[in-house]
Amino acid sequence: QVQVVESGGGSVQAGGSLTLSCVVSGYTYNFNYVGWFRQAPGKERERVAGIVGDGRIIYADSVKGRFTISRDNAKKTTYLQMNNLKPEDTAMYYCAANLGIGRTYWGQGIQVTVSS
C-alpha cells in the first residue's frame, strides 16, 4: 500500500526558512513524478516544484530562486527547502507522487504560515 507522508511545516516570519519532507513508501519501481503543490484559502491548488523520473526539476515562477526541491532515493524522501518565505507562500502544502498511469498518490497536507 502506497503512503505519502509530509512533515516539517509550521509558522515563520517573512524572510524565514522551512524545510518540508515527503516520504513515499510502499512502492517498488521508480516514480514518474514526485512534487509539492499548495493551496491557499479560496484559491486553486498549484504546483510549487517537482522532480520528473528522468531527473528534470520544475519550479513555479513564484518560487524560483527561493525554493529548492531535492530527493534522497535511498530514503525515498523528497525535500522542499523554502527560503526567504513571503506571506503569500502561506498555504496547505501537499506532496504527490505519480507511480504510473492512474496511480497518483497524495499526502494529507501540511500547513505553512508566513507572517509579515
Protein backbone atom coordinates (compact mmCIF):
# COMPACT_ATOMS: atom_id res chain seq x y z
CA GLN A 1 0.00 0.00 0.00
CA VAL A 2 1.47 3.32 -1.08
CA GLN A 3 1.63 6.01 1.56
CA VAL A 4 2.65 9.65 1.26
CA VAL A 5 3.55 11.42 4.49
CA GLU A 6 4.59 15.06 4.78
CA SER A 7 6.35 16.73 7.68
CA GLY A 8 8.15 19.93 8.54
CA GLY A 9 5.51 22.62 8.21
CA GLY A 10 4.91 25.38 10.69
CA SER A 11 4.84 29.11 11.21
CA VAL A 12 7.63 31.54 10.42
CA GLN A 13 8.08 35.24 9.89
CA ALA A 14 8.64 36.67 6.46
CA GLY A 15 12.18 36.09 5.32
CA GLY A 16 12.47 32.88 7.29
CA SER A 17 13.02 29.33 6.12
CA LEU A 18 11.34 25.96 6.42
CA THR A 19 12.11 22.52 5.05
CA LEU A 20 9.31 20.14 4.14
CA SER A 21 9.86 16.41 3.85
CA CYS A 22 7.81 13.86 1.97
CA VAL A 23 8.25 10.13 2.41
CA VAL A 24 6.62 7.88 -0.19
CA SER A 25 6.55 4.27 0.84
CA GLY A 26 5.01 1.04 -0.34
CA TYR A 27 6.22 1.01 -3.93
CA THR A 28 8.97 -0.91 -5.65
CA TYR A 29 9.70 0.70 -9.00
CA ASN A 30 10.78 4.18 -9.95
CA PHE A 31 8.33 7.03 -9.81
CA ASN A 32 7.24 9.11 -12.80
CA TYR A 33 6.92 12.30 -10.84
CA VAL A 34 7.06 13.50 -7.26
CA GLY A 35 6.39 17.03 -6.26
CA TRP A 36 4.93 19.64 -4.00
CA PHE A 37 1.68 21.51 -4.50
CA ARG A 38 -0.01 24.13 -2.39
CA GLN A 39 -3.46 25.52 -1.89
CA ALA A 40 -4.28 28.77 -0.15
CA PRO A 41 -7.79 29.51 1.14
CA GLY A 42 -10.08 30.46 -1.71
CA LYS A 43 -7.50 29.59 -4.35
CA GLU A 44 -6.91 26.64 -6.61
CA ARG A 45 -4.20 24.11 -5.90
CA GLU A 46 -0.98 25.00 -7.73
CA ARG A 47 2.23 23.15 -8.40
CA VAL A 48 5.20 24.51 -6.49
CA ALA A 49 8.06 22.22 -7.51
CA GLY A 50 8.56 18.73 -8.82
CA ILE A 51 11.06 16.13 -9.91
CA VAL A 52 10.38 14.09 -13.01
CA GLY A 53 11.56 10.49 -13.18
CA ASP A 54 14.35 11.40 -15.61
CA GLY A 55 15.73 13.89 -13.10
CA ARG A 56 14.32 17.10 -14.52
CA ILE A 57 13.26 19.64 -11.93
CA ILE A 58 10.37 22.04 -12.37
CA TYR A 59 9.59 25.14 -10.32
CA ALA A 60 6.71 27.55 -10.33
CA ASP A 61 7.84 31.03 -11.33
CA SER A 62 6.70 32.38 -7.98
CA VAL A 63 9.23 30.27 -6.06
CA LYS A 64 12.23 30.17 -8.40
CA GLY A 65 15.38 31.24 -6.61
CA ARG A 66 13.78 30.76 -3.19
CA PHE A 67 12.69 27.11 -3.05
CA THR A 68 14.80 24.06 -3.76
CA ILE A 69 13.45 20.55 -4.28
CA SER A 70 15.69 17.56 -3.79
CA ARG A 71 15.40 13.85 -3.31
CA ASP A 72 17.16 11.14 -1.35
CA ASN A 73 16.36 7.95 -3.25
CA ALA A 74 17.72 5.68 -0.55
CA LYS A 75 15.32 7.20 1.95
CA LYS A 76 12.52 7.61 -0.63
CA THR A 77 12.23 11.13 0.69
CA THR A 78 11.69 14.35 -1.23
CA TYR A 79 12.56 17.66 0.38
CA LEU A 80 11.42 21.19 -0.26
CA GLN A 81 13.79 23.77 1.16
CA MET A 82 11.95 27.09 1.34
CA ASN A 83 13.98 30.24 1.89
CA ASN A 84 13.02 33.90 2.01
CA LEU A 85 9.43 32.97 2.70
CA LYS A 86 6.73 35.52 1.98
CA PRO A 87 3.22 35.89 3.40
CA GLU A 88 1.86 34.85 0.01
CA ASP A 89 3.55 31.47 0.49
CA THR A 90 1.03 30.73 3.24
CA ALA A 91 -0.92 27.66 2.22
CA MET A 92 -1.53 23.99 2.82
CA TYR A 93 1.30 22.13 1.13
CA TYR A 94 0.75 18.71 -0.38
CA CYS A 95 3.17 16.12 -1.63
CA ALA A 96 2.12 13.98 -4.57
CA ALA A 97 3.74 11.04 -6.29
CA ASN A 98 2.83 9.57 -9.66
CA LEU A 99 3.85 5.95 -9.96
CA GLY A 100 2.18 5.20 -13.27
CA ILE A 101 -0.97 5.73 -15.29
CA GLY A 102 -3.83 6.36 -12.92
CA ARG A 103 -1.60 5.96 -9.91
CA THR A 104 -1.17 9.34 -8.27
CA TYR A 105 -0.98 9.42 -4.52
CA TRP A 106 -1.39 12.46 -2.30
CA GLY A 107 -0.38 13.20 1.24
CA GLN A 108 -2.77 14.72 3.73
CA GLY A 109 -1.13 18.11 3.56
CA ILE A 110 0.82 20.24 5.94
CA GLN A 111 0.27 23.87 6.87
CA VAL A 112 2.83 26.57 6.21
CA THR A 113 2.07 30.01 7.62
CA VAL A 114 4.24 33.04 6.96
CA SER A 115 3.55 36.19 8.94
CA SER A 116 4.59 39.68 7.90
